[in-house]
Amino acid sequence: MKLFSKLGLAVVLTAVASASSIAFASGDSSTSTSSTTSTTTSTTSSTSTVVPTPTAIETSLLYPARALRFPAYTRLNPPMLPDNSGSGRRIVYKNELQWVWVIDGKNKVVKAMPVSGRRGVPKPGTYAVNSQSLRSYSLDFEGVWFINMTRFALGPAGGNIGFHEIPVKNGRPLQTEDQLGSFQGSGCLRMSADDAKFIFNFGKPGTKVVVIP
């Protein structure tokens, strides 16, 4: 009887050991996957920390053909004020980038904003704000209205060029704010409602406007 009990106990212990071995093997596989996942996550996290995100300038250099359609710059990462853009209190417009900078009397940039204008218009030079209208309409395009218009130059056909909100035609905007920073306009510089209002308040008649290529 004792012999049988010992044999029975041995069988039970063997069975338990086998089950534990299988469970451990299964658990080991799961742990390995978890470990691999953890390692991969750690590696990814380490890579994103070590490798710096390309700046807007670096990105635009990598994709020069796309720069005008998909501007690399944002309001949080605007382009630097271009060199040779004058001095003193002024508004600077760089046609190639479709960006505008507002500079105070201490030569400090107080705001930078994307706009949508026309390639090569107006010609490079120094202008001055000559008139403003809270609300005006287009003489060339029926049903098109402008809000917070600040005029400073004349276009190739003699029409006024100025800063204003994205125009609306029959109550509908002619473009989205996401498209600002690309060529969309026929001459004037389209901008967001907040930016147009800011320019309207800053650019009183006589304010200098510098246009560079």
N, C-alpha and C. Protein backbone atom coordinates (compact mmCIF):
# COMPACT_ATOMS: atom_id res chain seq x y z
N MET A 1 0.81 -1.19 0.00
CA MET A 1 0.00 0.00 0.00
C MET A 1 0.85 1.25 0.00
N LYS A 2 1.88 1.25 0.81
CA LYS A 2 2.80 2.39 0.83
C LYS A 2 3.48 2.57 -0.50
N LEU A 3 3.83 1.43 -1.12
CA LEU A 3 4.48 1.50 -2.43
C LEU A 3 3.56 2.14 -3.45
N PHE A 4 2.27 1.76 -3.37
CA PHE A 4 1.30 2.33 -4.32
C PHE A 4 1.16 3.83 -4.09
N SER A 5 1.12 4.22 -2.83
CA SER A 5 0.99 5.64 -2.52
C SER A 5 2.17 6.43 -3.06
N LYS A 6 3.34 5.88 -2.90
CA LYS A 6 4.54 6.57 -3.42
C LYS A 6 4.50 6.69 -4.93
N LEU A 7 4.06 5.58 -5.57
CA LEU A 7 3.97 5.62 -7.04
C LEU A 7 2.93 6.64 -7.48
N GLY A 8 1.79 6.66 -6.75
CA GLY A 8 0.74 7.63 -7.10
C GLY A 8 1.22 9.05 -6.92
N LEU A 9 1.93 9.29 -5.83
CA LEU A 9 2.45 10.64 -5.59
C LEU A 9 3.44 11.04 -6.67
N ALA A 10 4.25 10.09 -7.12
CA ALA A 10 5.24 10.38 -8.18
C ALA A 10 4.54 10.75 -9.46
N VAL A 11 3.44 10.02 -9.77
CA VAL A 11 2.69 10.32 -11.01
C VAL A 11 2.09 11.71 -10.94
N VAL A 12 1.52 12.04 -9.75
CA VAL A 12 0.91 13.36 -9.58
C VAL A 12 1.95 14.45 -9.71
N LEU A 13 3.10 14.27 -9.08
CA LEU A 13 4.17 15.28 -9.16
C LEU A 13 4.67 15.44 -10.59
N THR A 14 4.78 14.32 -11.31
CA THR A 14 5.22 14.37 -12.71
C THR A 14 4.22 15.14 -13.56
N ALA A 15 2.93 14.88 -13.31
CA ALA A 15 1.89 15.59 -14.07
C ALA A 15 1.92 17.08 -13.80
N VAL A 16 2.06 17.43 -12.50
CA VAL A 16 2.12 18.85 -12.13
C VAL A 16 3.33 19.52 -12.76
N ALA A 17 4.47 18.81 -12.73
CA ALA A 17 5.70 19.36 -13.32
C ALA A 17 5.53 19.59 -14.81
N SER A 18 4.89 18.64 -15.48
CA SER A 18 4.66 18.77 -16.93
C SER A 18 3.77 19.96 -17.22
N ALA A 19 2.68 20.08 -16.44
CA ALA A 19 1.76 21.21 -16.65
C ALA A 19 2.46 22.53 -16.42
N SER A 20 3.30 22.59 -15.36
CA SER A 20 4.05 23.81 -15.07
C SER A 20 4.99 24.14 -16.18
N SER A 21 5.61 23.08 -16.73
CA SER A 21 6.55 23.29 -17.83
C SER A 21 5.84 23.86 -19.03
N ILE A 22 4.64 23.32 -19.33
CA ILE A 22 3.88 23.83 -20.49
C ILE A 22 3.44 25.26 -20.24
N ALA A 23 2.94 25.50 -19.02
CA ALA A 23 2.50 26.85 -18.69
C ALA A 23 3.65 27.83 -18.77
N PHE A 24 4.80 27.45 -18.27
CA PHE A 24 5.98 28.32 -18.32
C PHE A 24 6.39 28.61 -19.76
N ALA A 25 6.35 27.55 -20.59
CA ALA A 25 6.72 27.73 -22.00
C ALA A 25 5.78 28.71 -22.67
N SER A 26 4.49 28.53 -22.36
CA SER A 26 3.51 29.44 -22.94
C SER A 26 3.73 30.85 -22.42
N GLY A 27 3.93 30.98 -21.11
CA GLY A 27 4.17 32.28 -20.51
C GLY A 27 5.44 32.90 -21.01
N ASP A 28 6.46 32.14 -21.23
CA ASP A 28 7.74 32.64 -21.71
C ASP A 28 7.60 33.25 -23.09
N SER A 29 6.79 32.58 -23.92
CA SER A 29 6.55 33.10 -25.26
C SER A 29 5.88 34.46 -25.18
N SER A 30 4.87 34.56 -24.31
CA SER A 30 4.16 35.82 -24.14
C SER A 30 5.07 36.89 -23.58
N THR A 31 5.89 36.51 -22.61
CA THR A 31 6.82 37.46 -22.01
C THR A 31 7.84 37.94 -23.02
N SER A 32 8.26 37.08 -23.90
CA SER A 32 9.22 37.44 -24.93
C SER A 32 8.64 38.47 -25.88
N THR A 33 7.38 38.21 -26.24
CA THR A 33 6.71 39.16 -27.13
C THR A 33 6.58 40.51 -26.44
N SER A 34 6.17 40.45 -25.16
CA SER A 34 6.02 41.68 -24.41
C SER A 34 7.35 42.40 -24.29
N SER A 35 8.40 41.62 -24.05
CA SER A 35 9.73 42.20 -23.93
C SER A 35 10.17 42.83 -25.22
N THR A 36 9.87 42.11 -26.35
CA THR A 36 10.24 42.65 -27.66
C THR A 36 9.50 43.94 -27.93
N THR A 37 8.18 43.90 -27.59
CA THR A 37 7.38 45.11 -27.80
C THR A 37 7.91 46.26 -26.97
N SER A 38 8.25 45.94 -25.72
CA SER A 38 8.77 46.97 -24.83
C SER A 38 10.07 47.53 -25.37
N THR A 39 10.92 46.63 -25.88
CA THR A 39 12.20 47.07 -26.43
C THR A 39 12.00 47.96 -27.65
N THR A 40 11.05 47.53 -28.51
CA THR A 40 10.77 48.31 -29.71
C THR A 40 10.26 49.68 -29.35
N THR A 41 9.33 49.72 -28.39
CA THR A 41 8.78 51.00 -27.95
C THR A 41 9.87 51.89 -27.39
N SER A 42 10.74 51.29 -26.59
CA SER A 42 11.83 52.04 -25.99
C SER A 42 12.75 52.59 -27.06
N THR A 43 13.01 51.74 -28.08
CA THR A 43 13.90 52.18 -29.17
C THR A 43 13.28 53.33 -29.93
N THR A 44 11.95 53.20 -30.21
CA THR A 44 11.25 54.26 -30.94
C THR A 44 11.28 55.56 -30.16
N SER A 45 11.00 55.44 -28.85
CA SER A 45 11.01 56.62 -28.00
C SER A 45 12.38 57.25 -27.97
N SER A 46 13.41 56.42 -27.88
CA SER A 46 14.78 56.93 -27.84
C SER A 46 15.13 57.62 -29.14
N THR A 47 14.66 57.02 -30.28
CA THR A 47 14.98 57.60 -31.59
C THR A 47 14.33 58.97 -31.75
N SER A 48 13.04 59.07 -31.34
CA SER A 48 12.34 60.34 -31.51
C SER A 48 12.93 61.42 -30.62
N THR A 49 13.57 61.01 -29.54
CA THR A 49 14.17 61.98 -28.63
C THR A 49 15.52 62.46 -29.15
N VAL A 50 16.27 61.53 -29.72
CA VAL A 50 17.63 61.86 -30.17
C VAL A 50 17.62 62.59 -31.50
N VAL A 51 16.80 62.11 -32.45
CA VAL A 51 16.79 62.72 -33.79
C VAL A 51 15.89 63.95 -33.78
N PRO A 52 16.40 65.14 -34.04
CA PRO A 52 15.59 66.36 -34.00
C PRO A 52 14.64 66.44 -35.18
N THR A 53 13.50 67.08 -34.96
CA THR A 53 12.53 67.29 -36.04
C THR A 53 13.07 68.34 -36.99
N PRO A 54 13.01 68.10 -38.31
CA PRO A 54 13.52 69.10 -39.27
C PRO A 54 12.80 70.42 -39.12
N THR A 55 13.53 71.50 -39.26
CA THR A 55 12.91 72.82 -39.19
C THR A 55 12.17 73.09 -40.48
N ALA A 56 11.37 74.14 -40.49
CA ALA A 56 10.62 74.51 -41.68
C ALA A 56 11.56 74.79 -42.86
N ILE A 57 12.67 75.45 -42.56
CA ILE A 57 13.62 75.78 -43.62
C ILE A 57 14.24 74.51 -44.20
N GLU A 58 14.62 73.58 -43.32
CA GLU A 58 15.20 72.32 -43.79
C GLU A 58 14.20 71.53 -44.63
N THR A 59 12.95 71.52 -44.20
CA THR A 59 11.92 70.80 -44.94
C THR A 59 11.70 71.42 -46.31
N SER A 60 11.63 72.74 -46.37
CA SER A 60 11.39 73.41 -47.65
C SER A 60 12.55 73.19 -48.62
N LEU A 61 13.77 73.05 -48.08
CA LEU A 61 14.92 72.78 -48.94
C LEU A 61 14.86 71.36 -49.52
N LEU A 62 14.28 70.43 -48.75
CA LEU A 62 14.15 69.06 -49.23
C LEU A 62 13.09 68.94 -50.32
N TYR A 63 12.08 69.80 -50.26
CA TYR A 63 10.98 69.73 -51.23
C TYR A 63 10.74 71.09 -51.87
N PRO A 64 11.70 71.59 -52.64
CA PRO A 64 11.56 72.94 -53.21
C PRO A 64 10.37 73.08 -54.16
N ALA A 65 10.05 72.02 -54.90
CA ALA A 65 8.95 72.10 -55.86
C ALA A 65 7.59 72.16 -55.16
N ARG A 66 7.53 71.68 -53.92
CA ARG A 66 6.26 71.65 -53.19
C ARG A 66 6.10 72.84 -52.25
N ALA A 67 7.15 73.63 -52.12
CA ALA A 67 7.15 74.68 -51.10
C ALA A 67 6.02 75.68 -51.27
N LEU A 68 5.69 76.02 -52.53
CA LEU A 68 4.66 77.02 -52.77
C LEU A 68 3.26 76.45 -52.59
N ARG A 69 3.08 75.16 -52.88
CA ARG A 69 1.78 74.53 -52.75
C ARG A 69 1.52 74.06 -51.33
N PHE A 70 2.58 73.63 -50.66
CA PHE A 70 2.46 73.14 -49.30
C PHE A 70 3.50 73.84 -48.43
N PRO A 71 3.22 75.05 -48.01
CA PRO A 71 4.21 75.82 -47.25
C PRO A 71 4.67 75.07 -46.00
N ALA A 72 5.97 75.09 -45.78
CA ALA A 72 6.52 74.40 -44.61
C ALA A 72 6.35 75.24 -43.36
N TYR A 73 6.14 76.55 -43.52
CA TYR A 73 6.06 77.43 -42.38
C TYR A 73 4.67 77.42 -41.74
N THR A 74 4.64 77.70 -40.46
CA THR A 74 3.38 77.82 -39.73
C THR A 74 3.45 79.07 -38.87
N ARG A 75 2.33 79.41 -38.25
CA ARG A 75 2.32 80.58 -37.37
C ARG A 75 3.23 80.36 -36.16
N LEU A 76 3.36 79.10 -35.75
CA LEU A 76 4.24 78.79 -34.62
C LEU A 76 5.70 78.69 -35.06
N ASN A 77 5.92 78.52 -36.35
CA ASN A 77 7.27 78.40 -36.88
C ASN A 77 7.37 79.23 -38.17
N PRO A 78 7.21 80.56 -38.06
CA PRO A 78 7.21 81.42 -39.25
C PRO A 78 8.62 81.63 -39.80
N PRO A 79 8.72 82.04 -41.05
CA PRO A 79 10.05 82.35 -41.60
C PRO A 79 10.62 83.60 -40.94
N MET A 80 11.93 83.70 -40.96
CA MET A 80 12.59 84.86 -40.39
C MET A 80 12.34 86.09 -41.25
N LEU A 81 12.35 87.26 -40.63
CA LEU A 81 12.22 88.50 -41.37
C LEU A 81 13.38 88.59 -42.36
N PRO A 82 13.11 88.77 -43.66
CA PRO A 82 14.18 88.81 -44.66
C PRO A 82 15.13 89.99 -44.43
N ASP A 83 16.37 89.78 -44.85
CA ASP A 83 17.34 90.87 -44.82
C ASP A 83 16.95 91.93 -45.85
N ASN A 84 17.52 93.12 -45.69
CA ASN A 84 17.28 94.22 -46.64
C ASN A 84 15.79 94.50 -46.83
N SER A 85 15.08 94.52 -45.71
CA SER A 85 13.64 94.78 -45.78
C SER A 85 13.28 96.13 -45.17
N GLY A 86 14.26 97.04 -45.16
CA GLY A 86 13.99 98.37 -44.64
C GLY A 86 14.24 98.46 -43.15
N SER A 87 13.80 99.55 -42.57
CA SER A 87 13.97 99.77 -41.14
C SER A 87 12.81 100.59 -40.61
N GLY A 88 12.68 100.61 -39.29
CA GLY A 88 11.62 101.39 -38.67
C GLY A 88 10.26 100.72 -38.72
N ARG A 89 9.26 101.45 -38.34
CA ARG A 89 7.88 100.94 -38.30
C ARG A 89 7.38 100.69 -39.73
N ARG A 90 6.99 99.45 -39.99
CA ARG A 90 6.64 99.11 -41.37
C ARG A 90 5.94 97.76 -41.45
N ILE A 91 5.44 97.47 -42.65
CA ILE A 91 4.88 96.17 -42.99
C ILE A 91 5.72 95.62 -44.13
N VAL A 92 6.18 94.38 -44.00
CA VAL A 92 7.03 93.77 -45.03
C VAL A 92 6.30 92.59 -45.66
N TYR A 93 6.31 92.56 -46.97
CA TYR A 93 5.66 91.48 -47.72
C TYR A 93 6.67 90.83 -48.64
N LYS A 94 6.92 89.52 -48.45
CA LYS A 94 7.82 88.78 -49.33
C LYS A 94 6.96 87.93 -50.27
N ASN A 95 6.99 88.32 -51.54
CA ASN A 95 6.11 87.68 -52.52
C ASN A 95 6.40 86.19 -52.70
N GLU A 96 7.67 85.83 -52.76
CA GLU A 96 8.04 84.43 -53.02
C GLU A 96 7.52 83.50 -51.92
N LEU A 97 7.55 83.96 -50.68
CA LEU A 97 7.12 83.13 -49.55
C LEU A 97 5.64 83.28 -49.23
N GLN A 98 5.03 84.37 -49.71
CA GLN A 98 3.63 84.66 -49.37
C GLN A 98 3.46 84.82 -47.85
N TRP A 99 4.35 85.63 -47.28
CA TRP A 99 4.29 85.93 -45.85
C TRP A 99 4.44 87.43 -45.64
N VAL A 100 3.84 87.89 -44.55
CA VAL A 100 3.89 89.31 -44.19
C VAL A 100 4.38 89.44 -42.74
N TRP A 101 5.21 90.45 -42.49
CA TRP A 101 5.70 90.75 -41.14
C TRP A 101 5.29 92.17 -40.77
N VAL A 102 4.91 92.36 -39.54
CA VAL A 102 4.58 93.69 -39.02
C VAL A 102 5.66 94.06 -38.02
N ILE A 103 6.32 95.19 -38.26
CA ILE A 103 7.47 95.59 -37.43
C ILE A 103 7.17 96.93 -36.76
N ASP A 104 7.46 97.02 -35.47
CA ASP A 104 7.19 98.27 -34.75
C ASP A 104 8.35 99.25 -34.89
N GLY A 105 8.25 100.39 -34.21
CA GLY A 105 9.25 101.44 -34.32
C GLY A 105 10.61 101.07 -33.78
N LYS A 106 10.68 100.00 -32.97
CA LYS A 106 11.96 99.54 -32.43
C LYS A 106 12.56 98.42 -33.28
N ASN A 107 12.02 98.25 -34.45
CA ASN A 107 12.47 97.23 -35.41
C ASN A 107 12.25 95.82 -34.88
N LYS A 108 11.20 95.65 -34.09
CA LYS A 108 10.84 94.34 -33.55
C LYS A 108 9.62 93.78 -34.29
N VAL A 109 9.71 92.51 -34.69
CA VAL A 109 8.58 91.88 -35.36
C VAL A 109 7.49 91.61 -34.32
N VAL A 110 6.33 92.21 -34.52
CA VAL A 110 5.24 92.03 -33.57
C VAL A 110 4.24 90.98 -34.06
N LYS A 111 4.28 90.68 -35.36
CA LYS A 111 3.40 89.64 -35.89
C LYS A 111 3.88 89.21 -37.27
N ALA A 112 3.74 87.91 -37.55
CA ALA A 112 4.06 87.36 -38.87
C ALA A 112 2.88 86.51 -39.30
N MET A 113 2.51 86.59 -40.58
CA MET A 113 1.29 85.91 -41.01
C MET A 113 1.38 85.45 -42.47
N PRO A 114 0.75 84.32 -42.79
CA PRO A 114 0.71 83.87 -44.19
C PRO A 114 -0.38 84.63 -44.93
N VAL A 115 -0.15 84.86 -46.20
CA VAL A 115 -1.13 85.55 -47.04
C VAL A 115 -1.27 84.82 -48.37
N SER A 116 -2.21 85.25 -49.15
CA SER A 116 -2.36 84.72 -50.51
C SER A 116 -2.48 85.90 -51.48
N GLY A 117 -1.48 86.02 -52.34
CA GLY A 117 -1.49 87.10 -53.32
C GLY A 117 -1.26 86.54 -54.71
N ARG A 118 -0.64 87.37 -55.53
CA ARG A 118 -0.36 87.01 -56.93
C ARG A 118 1.13 87.07 -57.15
N ARG A 119 1.65 86.10 -57.87
CA ARG A 119 3.09 86.04 -58.10
C ARG A 119 3.59 87.30 -58.83
N GLY A 120 4.59 87.97 -58.23
CA GLY A 120 5.20 89.13 -58.85
C GLY A 120 4.41 90.42 -58.73
N VAL A 121 3.33 90.43 -57.97
CA VAL A 121 2.48 91.62 -57.85
C VAL A 121 2.28 91.95 -56.37
N PRO A 122 2.48 93.24 -56.00
CA PRO A 122 3.00 94.33 -56.83
C PRO A 122 4.51 94.22 -57.01
N LYS A 123 5.07 95.11 -57.79
CA LYS A 123 6.51 95.08 -58.02
C LYS A 123 7.25 95.41 -56.73
N PRO A 124 8.45 94.86 -56.57
CA PRO A 124 9.25 95.17 -55.38
C PRO A 124 9.46 96.67 -55.23
N GLY A 125 9.45 97.13 -54.01
CA GLY A 125 9.64 98.55 -53.77
C GLY A 125 9.08 98.95 -52.41
N THR A 126 9.16 100.24 -52.14
CA THR A 126 8.65 100.78 -50.88
C THR A 126 7.40 101.60 -51.17
N TYR A 127 6.32 101.26 -50.50
CA TYR A 127 5.04 101.92 -50.70
C TYR A 127 4.56 102.51 -49.38
N ALA A 128 3.37 103.07 -49.39
CA ALA A 128 2.76 103.60 -48.16
C ALA A 128 1.26 103.38 -48.22
N VAL A 129 0.67 103.08 -47.08
CA VAL A 129 -0.78 102.93 -47.01
C VAL A 129 -1.41 104.25 -47.44
N ASN A 130 -2.39 104.18 -48.38
CA ASN A 130 -3.00 105.41 -48.88
C ASN A 130 -4.48 105.54 -48.55
N SER A 131 -5.16 104.43 -48.27
CA SER A 131 -6.57 104.52 -47.89
C SER A 131 -7.03 103.21 -47.26
N GLN A 132 -8.15 103.29 -46.55
CA GLN A 132 -8.69 102.10 -45.89
C GLN A 132 -10.22 102.11 -45.95
N SER A 133 -10.80 100.92 -45.97
CA SER A 133 -12.25 100.78 -45.96
C SER A 133 -12.62 99.56 -45.12
N LEU A 134 -13.58 99.74 -44.23
CA LEU A 134 -14.04 98.59 -43.43
C LEU A 134 -14.70 97.55 -44.33
N ARG A 135 -15.36 98.02 -45.39
CA ARG A 135 -16.03 97.11 -46.30
C ARG A 135 -16.04 97.73 -47.70
N SER A 136 -15.59 96.96 -48.68
CA SER A 136 -15.57 97.45 -50.05
C SER A 136 -15.84 96.29 -51.01
N TYR A 137 -16.05 96.61 -52.28
CA TYR A 137 -16.36 95.56 -53.26
C TYR A 137 -15.44 95.67 -54.47
N SER A 138 -15.39 94.60 -55.22
CA SER A 138 -14.51 94.55 -56.39
C SER A 138 -15.18 95.20 -57.60
N LEU A 139 -14.37 95.97 -58.33
CA LEU A 139 -14.85 96.57 -59.57
C LEU A 139 -14.69 95.61 -60.74
N ASP A 140 -13.88 94.59 -60.56
CA ASP A 140 -13.59 93.64 -61.64
C ASP A 140 -14.40 92.35 -61.55
N PHE A 141 -14.76 91.94 -60.32
CA PHE A 141 -15.46 90.67 -60.14
C PHE A 141 -16.78 90.92 -59.42
N GLU A 142 -17.85 90.71 -60.11
CA GLU A 142 -19.17 90.98 -59.56
C GLU A 142 -19.48 90.09 -58.34
N GLY A 143 -20.01 90.71 -57.31
CA GLY A 143 -20.42 89.96 -56.12
C GLY A 143 -19.31 89.67 -55.15
N VAL A 144 -18.09 90.19 -55.39
CA VAL A 144 -16.95 89.94 -54.50
C VAL A 144 -16.76 91.12 -53.55
N TRP A 145 -16.70 90.82 -52.26
CA TRP A 145 -16.57 91.85 -51.24
C TRP A 145 -15.31 91.64 -50.40
N PHE A 146 -14.77 92.77 -49.90
CA PHE A 146 -13.57 92.75 -49.08
C PHE A 146 -13.87 93.40 -47.73
N ILE A 147 -13.34 92.80 -46.65
CA ILE A 147 -13.51 93.35 -45.30
C ILE A 147 -12.15 93.80 -44.78
N ASN A 148 -12.14 94.96 -44.11
CA ASN A 148 -10.90 95.53 -43.56
C ASN A 148 -9.83 95.68 -44.64
N MET A 149 -10.14 96.44 -45.64
CA MET A 149 -9.20 96.69 -46.76
C MET A 149 -8.23 97.81 -46.40
N THR A 150 -6.93 97.53 -46.56
CA THR A 150 -5.87 98.52 -46.35
C THR A 150 -5.07 98.61 -47.63
N ARG A 151 -5.27 99.67 -48.43
CA ARG A 151 -4.66 99.81 -49.75
C ARG A 151 -3.29 100.49 -49.66
N PHE A 152 -2.38 100.03 -50.55
CA PHE A 152 -1.04 100.63 -50.54
C PHE A 152 -0.38 100.70 -51.91
N ALA A 153 -0.93 100.09 -52.93
CA ALA A 153 -0.28 100.08 -54.25
C ALA A 153 -1.32 99.91 -55.35
N LEU A 154 -0.83 99.99 -56.60
CA LEU A 154 -1.68 99.75 -57.77
C LEU A 154 -1.16 98.54 -58.53
N GLY A 155 -2.07 97.77 -59.09
CA GLY A 155 -1.70 96.59 -59.85
C GLY A 155 -1.38 96.90 -61.29
N PRO A 156 -1.01 95.90 -62.09
CA PRO A 156 -0.65 96.09 -63.49
C PRO A 156 -1.75 96.77 -64.31
N ALA A 157 -2.99 96.51 -63.96
CA ALA A 157 -4.11 97.10 -64.72
C ALA A 157 -4.63 98.37 -64.09
N GLY A 158 -3.97 98.84 -63.04
CA GLY A 158 -4.37 100.09 -62.41
C GLY A 158 -5.30 99.94 -61.23
N GLY A 159 -5.65 98.70 -60.89
CA GLY A 159 -6.54 98.49 -59.75
C GLY A 159 -5.80 98.58 -58.43
N ASN A 160 -6.55 98.84 -57.36
CA ASN A 160 -5.94 98.96 -56.03
C ASN A 160 -5.47 97.60 -55.52
N ILE A 161 -4.34 97.65 -54.82
CA ILE A 161 -3.82 96.46 -54.13
C ILE A 161 -3.74 96.78 -52.65
N GLY A 162 -4.23 95.85 -51.85
CA GLY A 162 -4.20 96.08 -50.41
C GLY A 162 -4.30 94.78 -49.63
N PHE A 163 -4.28 94.92 -48.33
CA PHE A 163 -4.47 93.78 -47.43
C PHE A 163 -5.95 93.70 -47.08
N HIS A 164 -6.51 92.52 -47.03
CA HIS A 164 -7.91 92.37 -46.63
C HIS A 164 -8.20 90.93 -46.26
N GLU A 165 -9.37 90.71 -45.66
CA GLU A 165 -9.79 89.34 -45.33
C GLU A 165 -9.94 88.53 -46.62
N ILE A 166 -9.94 87.21 -46.48
CA ILE A 166 -10.26 86.36 -47.62
C ILE A 166 -11.58 86.84 -48.18
N PRO A 167 -11.62 87.23 -49.46
CA PRO A 167 -12.86 87.79 -50.02
C PRO A 167 -13.98 86.76 -50.11
N VAL A 168 -15.19 87.28 -50.11
CA VAL A 168 -16.36 86.41 -50.26
C VAL A 168 -17.10 86.80 -51.53
N LYS A 169 -17.65 85.80 -52.19
CA LYS A 169 -18.47 86.04 -53.38
C LYS A 169 -19.84 85.44 -53.12
N ASN A 170 -20.84 86.30 -53.14
CA ASN A 170 -22.20 85.87 -52.83
C ASN A 170 -22.26 85.15 -51.48
N GLY A 171 -21.47 85.66 -50.54
CA GLY A 171 -21.50 85.13 -49.19
C GLY A 171 -20.59 83.94 -48.92
N ARG A 172 -19.86 83.49 -49.94
CA ARG A 172 -18.99 82.32 -49.76
C ARG A 172 -17.53 82.72 -49.94
N PRO A 173 -16.63 82.30 -49.01
CA PRO A 173 -15.20 82.64 -49.13
C PRO A 173 -14.59 82.01 -50.38
N LEU A 174 -13.66 82.72 -50.99
CA LEU A 174 -13.03 82.25 -52.22
C LEU A 174 -11.89 81.27 -51.97
N GLN A 175 -11.49 81.09 -50.73
CA GLN A 175 -10.48 80.10 -50.38
C GLN A 175 -10.56 79.83 -48.89
N THR A 176 -9.79 78.87 -48.43
CA THR A 176 -9.76 78.55 -47.01
C THR A 176 -8.54 79.19 -46.35
N GLU A 177 -8.56 79.28 -45.04
CA GLU A 177 -7.40 79.81 -44.32
C GLU A 177 -6.22 78.86 -44.43
N ASP A 178 -6.48 77.57 -44.58
CA ASP A 178 -5.40 76.60 -44.73
C ASP A 178 -4.61 76.83 -46.01
N GLN A 179 -5.19 77.50 -46.98
CA GLN A 179 -4.51 77.76 -48.25
C GLN A 179 -3.67 79.03 -48.21
N LEU A 180 -3.78 79.79 -47.13
CA LEU A 180 -2.94 80.98 -47.00
C LEU A 180 -1.48 80.55 -46.97
N GLY A 181 -0.64 81.34 -47.62
CA GLY A 181 0.77 80.96 -47.76
C GLY A 181 1.06 80.47 -49.16
N SER A 182 0.03 80.44 -50.01
CA SER A 182 0.20 80.02 -51.41
C SER A 182 -0.45 81.06 -52.31
N PHE A 183 -0.06 81.07 -53.57
CA PHE A 183 -0.61 82.03 -54.52
C PHE A 183 -2.05 81.67 -54.85
N GLN A 184 -2.96 82.55 -54.46
CA GLN A 184 -4.38 82.33 -54.71
C GLN A 184 -5.07 83.60 -55.22
N GLY A 185 -4.51 84.76 -54.92
CA GLY A 185 -5.17 86.03 -55.23
C GLY A 185 -4.92 86.53 -56.64
N SER A 186 -5.64 87.59 -56.96
CA SER A 186 -5.49 88.22 -58.28
C SER A 186 -4.68 89.51 -58.19
N GLY A 187 -4.24 89.87 -56.99
CA GLY A 187 -3.44 91.08 -56.83
C GLY A 187 -3.31 91.50 -55.38
N CYS A 188 -4.46 91.59 -54.69
CA CYS A 188 -4.44 91.95 -53.27
C CYS A 188 -3.88 90.81 -52.43
N LEU A 189 -3.66 91.12 -51.16
CA LEU A 189 -3.13 90.13 -50.23
C LEU A 189 -4.24 89.67 -49.30
N ARG A 190 -4.68 88.46 -49.51
CA ARG A 190 -5.74 87.88 -48.69
C ARG A 190 -5.15 87.36 -47.37
N MET A 191 -5.90 87.49 -46.31
CA MET A 191 -5.44 87.01 -45.01
C MET A 191 -6.62 86.64 -44.13
N SER A 192 -6.32 86.08 -42.97
CA SER A 192 -7.38 85.70 -42.05
C SER A 192 -8.08 86.95 -41.53
N ALA A 193 -9.26 86.76 -40.95
CA ALA A 193 -10.02 87.90 -40.44
C ALA A 193 -9.25 88.63 -39.34
N ASP A 194 -8.63 87.89 -38.44
CA ASP A 194 -7.87 88.51 -37.34
C ASP A 194 -6.67 89.28 -37.86
N ASP A 195 -5.97 88.71 -38.85
CA ASP A 195 -4.79 89.37 -39.39
C ASP A 195 -5.17 90.63 -40.17
N ALA A 196 -6.26 90.57 -40.92
CA ALA A 196 -6.70 91.74 -41.68
C ALA A 196 -7.07 92.88 -40.74
N LYS A 197 -7.72 92.52 -39.65
CA LYS A 197 -8.08 93.55 -38.65
C LYS A 197 -6.84 94.13 -37.99
N PHE A 198 -5.85 93.28 -37.72
CA PHE A 198 -4.60 93.74 -37.11
C PHE A 198 -3.90 94.73 -38.05
N ILE A 199 -3.80 94.37 -39.33
CA ILE A 199 -3.16 95.26 -40.31
C ILE A 199 -3.95 96.56 -40.43
N PHE A 200 -5.27 96.46 -40.42
CA PHE A 200 -6.12 97.65 -40.54
C PHE A 200 -5.85 98.62 -39.40
N ASN A 201 -5.67 98.11 -38.20
CA ASN A 201 -5.41 98.97 -37.04
C ASN A 201 -3.97 99.49 -37.01
N PHE A 202 -3.04 98.68 -37.52
CA PHE A 202 -1.63 99.06 -37.50
C PHE A 202 -1.29 100.00 -38.66
N GLY A 203 -1.79 99.68 -39.82
CA GLY A 203 -1.38 100.38 -41.04
C GLY A 203 -2.20 101.59 -41.39
N LYS A 204 -2.16 102.60 -40.59
CA LYS A 204 -2.88 103.83 -40.91
C LYS A 204 -2.23 104.54 -42.10
N PRO A 205 -2.96 105.44 -42.79
CA PRO A 205 -2.41 106.13 -43.95
C PRO A 205 -1.02 106.70 -43.67
N GLY A 206 -0.11 106.39 -44.58
CA GLY A 206 1.28 106.83 -44.44
C GLY A 206 2.21 105.74 -43.93
N THR A 207 1.66 104.65 -43.38
CA THR A 207 2.49 103.55 -42.89
C THR A 207 3.27 102.92 -44.04
N LYS A 208 4.55 102.68 -43.82
CA LYS A 208 5.42 102.15 -44.87
C LYS A 208 5.16 100.67 -45.11
N VAL A 209 5.12 100.30 -46.38
CA VAL A 209 4.95 98.92 -46.78
C VAL A 209 6.09 98.56 -47.73
N VAL A 210 6.89 97.58 -47.36
CA VAL A 210 8.04 97.16 -48.17
C VAL A 210 7.73 95.84 -48.84
N VAL A 211 7.83 95.82 -50.17
CA VAL A 211 7.58 94.61 -50.94
C VAL A 211 8.90 94.10 -51.50
N ILE A 212 9.22 92.85 -51.21
CA ILE A 212 10.45 92.25 -51.73
C ILE A 212 10.08 90.98 -52.52
N PRO A 213 10.92 90.60 -53.47
CA PRO A 213 10.60 89.44 -54.34
C PRO A 213 10.33 88.18 -53.53
